[in-house]
Amino acid sequence: MKTDAEIIHSGFESIFSTLGMVDAERFIMLIKRDKFDYTQWQKQLWPNESVESLSALAQRDWEQSS
């Protein structure tokens, strides 16, 4: 199990490597300013998908990346 510090470090590495320095900073600022609600966001992320369909998509993606 990762520590909180390790998770934060990995998250920042992912954000900065994907978005670049400027957009990563903007992303962090937007989340802080808008009082981002992760739970609410998750509920709206895939409204027409079931757990089974998401699992199948994840499995297919994992198999293609291996």
PDB file of N, CA and C in Angstrom:
ATOM      1  N   MET A   1       0.847  -1.178   0.000  1.00  0.00           N
ATOM      2  CA  MET A   1       0.000   0.000   0.000  1.00  0.00           C
ATOM      3  C   MET A   1       0.890   1.238   0.000  1.00  0.00           C
ATOM      4  N   LYS A   2       0.567   2.178  -0.867  1.00  0.00           N
ATOM      5  CA  LYS A   2       1.346   3.408  -0.966  1.00  0.00           C
ATOM      6  C   LYS A   2       0.987   4.362   0.169  1.00  0.00           C
ATOM      7  N   THR A   3       1.951   5.173   0.537  1.00  0.00           N
ATOM      8  CA  THR A   3       1.685   6.219   1.533  1.00  0.00           C
ATOM      9  C   THR A   3       0.979   7.384   0.852  1.00  0.00           C
ATOM     10  N   ASP A   4       0.406   8.271   1.642  1.00  0.00           N
ATOM     11  CA  ASP A   4      -0.238   9.466   1.087  1.00  0.00           C
ATOM     12  C   ASP A   4       0.755  10.286   0.272  1.00  0.00           C
ATOM     13  N   ALA A   5       1.968  10.419   0.790  1.00  0.00           N
ATOM     14  CA  ALA A   5       2.996  11.199   0.087  1.00  0.00           C
ATOM     15  C   ALA A   5       3.325  10.580  -1.270  1.00  0.00           C
ATOM     16  N   GLU A   6       3.400   9.253  -1.332  1.00  0.00           N
ATOM     17  CA  GLU A   6       3.693   8.575  -2.599  1.00  0.00           C
ATOM     18  C   GLU A   6       2.570   8.772  -3.606  1.00  0.00           C
ATOM     19  N   ILE A   7       1.339   8.725  -3.137  1.00  0.00           N
ATOM     20  CA  ILE A   7       0.182   8.930  -4.023  1.00  0.00           C
ATOM     21  C   ILE A   7       0.177  10.360  -4.562  1.00  0.00           C
ATOM     22  N   ILE A   8       0.426  11.317  -3.693  1.00  0.00           N
ATOM     23  CA  ILE A   8       0.477  12.719  -4.127  1.00  0.00           C
ATOM     24  C   ILE A   8       1.590  12.902  -5.154  1.00  0.00           C
ATOM     25  N   HIS A   9       2.745  12.339  -4.881  1.00  0.00           N
ATOM     26  CA  HIS A   9       3.879  12.453  -5.798  1.00  0.00           C
ATOM     27  C   HIS A   9       3.537  11.840  -7.164  1.00  0.00           C
ATOM     28  N   SER A  10       2.959  10.657  -7.167  1.00  0.00           N
ATOM     29  CA  SER A  10       2.574  10.003  -8.421  1.00  0.00           C
ATOM     30  C   SER A  10       1.526  10.812  -9.172  1.00  0.00           C
ATOM     31  N   GLY A  11       0.565  11.357  -8.432  1.00  0.00           N
ATOM     32  CA  GLY A  11      -0.466  12.175  -9.060  1.00  0.00           C
ATOM     33  C   GLY A  11       0.107  13.404  -9.734  1.00  0.00           C
ATOM     34  N   PHE A  12       1.003  14.097  -9.031  1.00  0.00           N
ATOM     35  CA  PHE A  12       1.635  15.272  -9.626  1.00  0.00           C
ATOM     36  C   PHE A  12       2.492  14.894 -10.830  1.00  0.00           C
ATOM     37  N   GLU A  13       3.219  13.807 -10.742  1.00  0.00           N
ATOM     38  CA  GLU A  13       4.014  13.348 -11.889  1.00  0.00           C
ATOM     39  C   GLU A  13       3.122  13.097 -13.097  1.00  0.00           C
ATOM     40  N   SER A  14       1.989  12.442 -12.872  1.00  0.00           N
ATOM     41  CA  SER A  14       1.061  12.137 -13.967  1.00  0.00           C
ATOM     42  C   SER A  14       0.489  13.404 -14.581  1.00  0.00           C
ATOM     43  N   ILE A  15       0.050  14.306 -13.723  1.00  0.00           N
ATOM     44  CA  ILE A  15      -0.559  15.552 -14.216  1.00  0.00           C
ATOM     45  C   ILE A  15       0.455  16.369 -15.000  1.00  0.00           C
ATOM     46  N   PHE A  16       1.636  16.555 -14.441  1.00  0.00           N
ATOM     47  CA  PHE A  16       2.638  17.379 -15.109  1.00  0.00           C
ATOM     48  C   PHE A  16       3.157  16.728 -16.391  1.00  0.00           C
ATOM     49  N   SER A  17       3.309  15.432 -16.426  1.00  0.00           N
ATOM     50  CA  SER A  17       3.803  14.788 -17.641  1.00  0.00           C
ATOM     51  C   SER A  17       2.740  14.779 -18.742  1.00  0.00           C
ATOM     52  N   THR A  18       1.478  14.760 -18.361  1.00  0.00           N
ATOM     53  CA  THR A  18       0.397  14.742 -19.345  1.00  0.00           C
ATOM     54  C   THR A  18       0.047  16.141 -19.842  1.00  0.00           C
ATOM     55  N   LEU A  19      -0.086  17.082 -18.922  1.00  0.00           N
ATOM     56  CA  LEU A  19      -0.554  18.418 -19.282  1.00  0.00           C
ATOM     57  C   LEU A  19       0.563  19.426 -19.541  1.00  0.00           C
ATOM     58  N   GLY A  20       1.729  19.164 -19.005  1.00  0.00           N
ATOM     59  CA  GLY A  20       2.787  20.169 -19.064  1.00  0.00           C
ATOM     60  C   GLY A  20       2.659  21.103 -17.864  1.00  0.00           C
ATOM     61  N   MET A  21       3.697  21.873 -17.636  1.00  0.00           N
ATOM     62  CA  MET A  21       3.778  22.703 -16.435  1.00  0.00           C
ATOM     63  C   MET A  21       2.629  23.720 -16.327  1.00  0.00           C
ATOM     64  N   VAL A  22       2.383  24.477 -17.369  1.00  0.00           N
ATOM     65  CA  VAL A  22       1.397  25.561 -17.306  1.00  0.00           C
ATOM     66  C   VAL A  22      -0.016  25.018 -17.119  1.00  0.00           C
ATOM     67  N   ASP A  23      -0.426  24.060 -17.939  1.00  0.00           N
ATOM     68  CA  ASP A  23      -1.786  23.523 -17.829  1.00  0.00           C
ATOM     69  C   ASP A  23      -1.981  22.723 -16.550  1.00  0.00           C
ATOM     70  N   ALA A  24      -0.935  22.070 -16.059  1.00  0.00           N
ATOM     71  CA  ALA A  24      -1.043  21.353 -14.789  1.00  0.00           C
ATOM     72  C   ALA A  24      -1.297  22.333 -13.651  1.00  0.00           C
ATOM     73  N   GLU A  25      -0.587  23.451 -13.665  1.00  0.00           N
ATOM     74  CA  GLU A  25      -0.815  24.487 -12.642  1.00  0.00           C
ATOM     75  C   GLU A  25      -2.236  25.024 -12.739  1.00  0.00           C
ATOM     76  N   ARG A  26      -2.711  25.239 -13.955  1.00  0.00           N
ATOM     77  CA  ARG A  26      -4.090  25.728 -14.141  1.00  0.00           C
ATOM     78  C   ARG A  26      -5.091  24.700 -13.629  1.00  0.00           C
ATOM     79  N   PHE A  27      -4.849  23.411 -13.914  1.00  0.00           N
ATOM     80  CA  PHE A  27      -5.728  22.343 -13.453  1.00  0.00           C
ATOM     81  C   PHE A  27      -5.836  22.344 -11.929  1.00  0.00           C
ATOM     82  N   ILE A  28      -4.705  22.414 -11.269  1.00  0.00           N
ATOM     83  CA  ILE A  28      -4.696  22.433  -9.801  1.00  0.00           C
ATOM     84  C   ILE A  28      -5.432  23.664  -9.275  1.00  0.00           C
ATOM     85  N   MET A  29      -5.201  24.819  -9.891  1.00  0.00           N
ATOM     86  CA  MET A  29      -5.871  26.043  -9.480  1.00  0.00           C
ATOM     87  C   MET A  29      -7.396  25.925  -9.664  1.00  0.00           C
ATOM     88  N   LEU A  30      -7.822  25.357 -10.778  1.00  0.00           N
ATOM     89  CA  LEU A  30      -9.254  25.216 -11.045  1.00  0.00           C
ATOM     90  C   LEU A  30      -9.926  24.306 -10.025  1.00  0.00           C
ATOM     91  N   ILE A  31      -9.271  23.205  -9.687  1.00  0.00           N
ATOM     92  CA  ILE A  31      -9.847  22.290  -8.697  1.00  0.00           C
ATOM     93  C   ILE A  31      -9.975  22.975  -7.336  1.00  0.00           C
ATOM     94  N   LYS A  32      -8.953  23.702  -6.944  1.00  0.00           N
ATOM     95  CA  LYS A  32      -8.982  24.381  -5.645  1.00  0.00           C
ATOM     96  C   LYS A  32     -10.043  25.481  -5.632  1.00  0.00           C
ATOM     97  N   ARG A  33     -10.128  26.249  -6.714  1.00  0.00           N
ATOM     98  CA  ARG A  33     -11.051  27.383  -6.774  1.00  0.00           C
ATOM     99  C   ARG A  33     -12.506  26.923  -6.833  1.00  0.00           C
ATOM    100  N   ASP A  34     -12.769  25.876  -7.599  1.00  0.00           N
ATOM    101  CA  ASP A  34     -14.143  25.439  -7.808  1.00  0.00           C
ATOM    102  C   ASP A  34     -14.656  24.478  -6.750  1.00  0.00           C
ATOM    103  N   LYS A  35     -13.855  24.205  -5.733  1.00  0.00           N
ATOM    104  CA  LYS A  35     -14.244  23.254  -4.696  1.00  0.00           C
ATOM    105  C   LYS A  35     -14.732  21.959  -5.345  1.00  0.00           C
ATOM    106  N   PHE A  36     -13.855  21.394  -6.153  1.00  0.00           N
ATOM    107  CA  PHE A  36     -14.127  20.185  -6.925  1.00  0.00           C
ATOM    108  C   PHE A  36     -14.646  19.067  -6.025  1.00  0.00           C
ATOM    109  N   ASP A  37     -15.772  18.497  -6.394  1.00  0.00           N
ATOM    110  CA  ASP A  37     -16.380  17.397  -5.647  1.00  0.00           C
ATOM    111  C   ASP A  37     -16.184  16.109  -6.442  1.00  0.00           C
ATOM    112  N   TYR A  38     -15.177  15.333  -6.055  1.00  0.00           N
ATOM    113  CA  TYR A  38     -14.830  14.117  -6.782  1.00  0.00           C
ATOM    114  C   TYR A  38     -15.995  13.136  -6.837  1.00  0.00           C
ATOM    115  N   THR A  39     -16.718  12.988  -5.742  1.00  0.00           N
ATOM    116  CA  THR A  39     -17.833  12.043  -5.700  1.00  0.00           C
ATOM    117  C   THR A  39     -18.912  12.433  -6.698  1.00  0.00           C
ATOM    118  N   GLN A  40     -19.261  13.703  -6.749  1.00  0.00           N
ATOM    119  CA  GLN A  40     -20.274  14.181  -7.691  1.00  0.00           C
ATOM    120  C   GLN A  40     -19.777  14.005  -9.131  1.00  0.00           C
ATOM    121  N   TRP A  41     -18.512  14.301  -9.365  1.00  0.00           N
ATOM    122  CA  TRP A  41     -17.928  14.148 -10.690  1.00  0.00           C
ATOM    123  C   TRP A  41     -18.004  12.695 -11.140  1.00  0.00           C
ATOM    124  N   GLN A  42     -17.686  11.770 -10.246  1.00  0.00           N
ATOM    125  CA  GLN A  42     -17.742  10.345 -10.570  1.00  0.00           C
ATOM    126  C   GLN A  42     -19.156   9.910 -10.938  1.00  0.00           C
ATOM    127  N   LYS A  43     -20.153  10.447 -10.238  1.00  0.00           N
ATOM    128  CA  LYS A  43     -21.539  10.080 -10.528  1.00  0.00           C
ATOM    129  C   LYS A  43     -21.954  10.511 -11.933  1.00  0.00           C
ATOM    130  N   GLN A  44     -21.364  11.605 -12.425  1.00  0.00           N
ATOM    131  CA  GLN A  44     -21.732  12.142 -13.733  1.00  0.00           C
ATOM    132  C   GLN A  44     -20.792  11.712 -14.853  1.00  0.00           C
ATOM    133  N   LEU A  45     -19.722  11.005 -14.517  1.00  0.00           N
ATOM    134  CA  LEU A  45     -18.691  10.683 -15.488  1.00  0.00           C
ATOM    135  C   LEU A  45     -19.190   9.746 -16.591  1.00  0.00           C
ATOM    136  N   TRP A  46     -19.826   8.669 -16.224  1.00  0.00           N
ATOM    137  CA  TRP A  46     -20.336   7.701 -17.199  1.00  0.00           C
ATOM    138  C   TRP A  46     -21.797   7.392 -16.870  1.00  0.00           C
ATOM    139  N   PRO A  47     -22.702   8.312 -17.148  1.00  0.00           N
ATOM    140  CA  PRO A  47     -24.093   8.135 -16.723  1.00  0.00           C
ATOM    141  C   PRO A  47     -24.817   6.963 -17.379  1.00  0.00           C
ATOM    142  N   ASN A  48     -24.396   6.553 -18.582  1.00  0.00           N
ATOM    143  CA  ASN A  48     -25.104   5.497 -19.302  1.00  0.00           C
ATOM    144  C   ASN A  48     -24.364   4.161 -19.271  1.00  0.00           C
ATOM    145  N   GLU A  49     -23.386   4.040 -18.367  1.00  0.00           N
ATOM    146  CA  GLU A  49     -22.605   2.815 -18.286  1.00  0.00           C
ATOM    147  C   GLU A  49     -22.902   2.086 -16.983  1.00  0.00           C
ATOM    148  N   SER A  50     -22.877   0.780 -17.063  1.00  0.00           N
ATOM    149  CA  SER A  50     -23.030  -0.044 -15.867  1.00  0.00           C
ATOM    150  C   SER A  50     -21.640  -0.446 -15.371  1.00  0.00           C
ATOM    151  N   VAL A  51     -21.581  -0.992 -14.188  1.00  0.00           N
ATOM    152  CA  VAL A  51     -20.314  -1.494 -13.661  1.00  0.00           C
ATOM    153  C   VAL A  51     -19.774  -2.573 -14.598  1.00  0.00           C
ATOM    154  N   GLU A  52     -20.658  -3.422 -15.092  1.00  0.00           N
ATOM    155  CA  GLU A  52     -20.242  -4.512 -15.977  1.00  0.00           C
ATOM    156  C   GLU A  52     -19.664  -3.983 -17.286  1.00  0.00           C
ATOM    157  N   SER A  53     -20.310  -2.967 -17.885  1.00  0.00           N
ATOM    158  CA  SER A  53     -19.811  -2.439 -19.157  1.00  0.00           C
ATOM    159  C   SER A  53     -18.486  -1.707 -18.962  1.00  0.00           C
ATOM    160  N   LEU A  54     -18.340  -0.988 -17.852  1.00  0.00           N
ATOM    161  CA  LEU A  54     -17.072  -0.320 -17.568  1.00  0.00           C
ATOM    162  C   LEU A  54     -15.959  -1.336 -17.319  1.00  0.00           C
ATOM    163  N   SER A  55     -16.297  -2.403 -16.636  1.00  0.00           N
ATOM    164  CA  SER A  55     -15.319  -3.460 -16.392  1.00  0.00           C
ATOM    165  C   SER A  55     -14.867  -4.083 -17.707  1.00  0.00           C
ATOM    166  N   ALA A  56     -15.809  -4.328 -18.609  1.00  0.00           N
ATOM    167  CA  ALA A  56     -15.471  -4.904 -19.910  1.00  0.00           C
ATOM    168  C   ALA A  56     -14.581  -3.950 -20.705  1.00  0.00           C
ATOM    169  N   LEU A  57     -14.873  -2.663 -20.668  1.00  0.00           N
ATOM    170  CA  LEU A  57     -14.040  -1.677 -21.355  1.00  0.00           C
ATOM    171  C   LEU A  57     -12.631  -1.640 -20.768  1.00  0.00           C
ATOM    172  N   ALA A  58     -12.544  -1.669 -19.456  1.00  0.00           N
ATOM    173  CA  ALA A  58     -11.239  -1.657 -18.796  1.00  0.00           C
ATOM    174  C   ALA A  58     -10.447  -2.910 -19.136  1.00  0.00           C
ATOM    175  N   GLN A  59     -11.105  -4.054 -19.150  1.00  0.00           N
ATOM    176  CA  GLN A  59     -10.441  -5.313 -19.487  1.00  0.00           C
ATOM    177  C   GLN A  59      -9.928  -5.278 -20.915  1.00  0.00           C
ATOM    178  N   ARG A  60     -10.745  -4.789 -21.829  1.00  0.00           N
ATOM    179  CA  ARG A  60     -10.348  -4.725 -23.237  1.00  0.00           C
ATOM    180  C   ARG A  60      -9.155  -3.778 -23.415  1.00  0.00           C
ATOM    181  N   ASP A  61      -9.178  -2.629 -22.731  1.00  0.00           N
ATOM    182  CA  ASP A  61      -8.085  -1.683 -22.803  1.00  0.00           C
ATOM    183  C   ASP A  61      -6.800  -2.292 -22.224  1.00  0.00           C
ATOM    184  N   TRP A  62      -6.930  -2.981 -21.104  1.00  0.00           N
ATOM    185  CA  TRP A  62      -5.769  -3.614 -20.481  1.00  0.00           C
ATOM    186  C   TRP A  62      -5.160  -4.668 -21.402  1.00  0.00           C
ATOM    187  N   GLU A  63      -6.007  -5.454 -22.049  1.00  0.00           N
ATOM    188  CA  GLU A  63      -5.527  -6.503 -22.951  1.00  0.00           C
ATOM    189  C   GLU A  63      -4.820  -5.907 -24.172  1.00  0.00           C
ATOM    190  N   GLN A  64      -5.321  -4.780 -24.670  1.00  0.00           N
ATOM    191  CA  GLN A  64      -4.713  -4.141 -25.829  1.00  0.00           C
ATOM    192  C   GLN A  64      -3.375  -3.493 -25.478  1.00  0.00           C
ATOM    193  N   SER A  65      -3.212  -3.054 -24.231  1.00  0.00           N
ATOM    194  CA  SER A  65      -1.966  -2.408 -23.830  1.00  0.00           C
ATOM    195  C   SER A  65      -0.890  -3.387 -23.408  1.00  0.00           C
ATOM    196  N   SER A  66      -1.256  -4.651 -23.240  1.00  0.00           N
ATOM    197  CA  SER A  66      -0.279  -5.662 -22.815  1.00  0.00           C
ATOM    198  C   SER A  66       0.499  -6.219 -23.961  1.00  0.00           C
TER     199      SER A  66
END
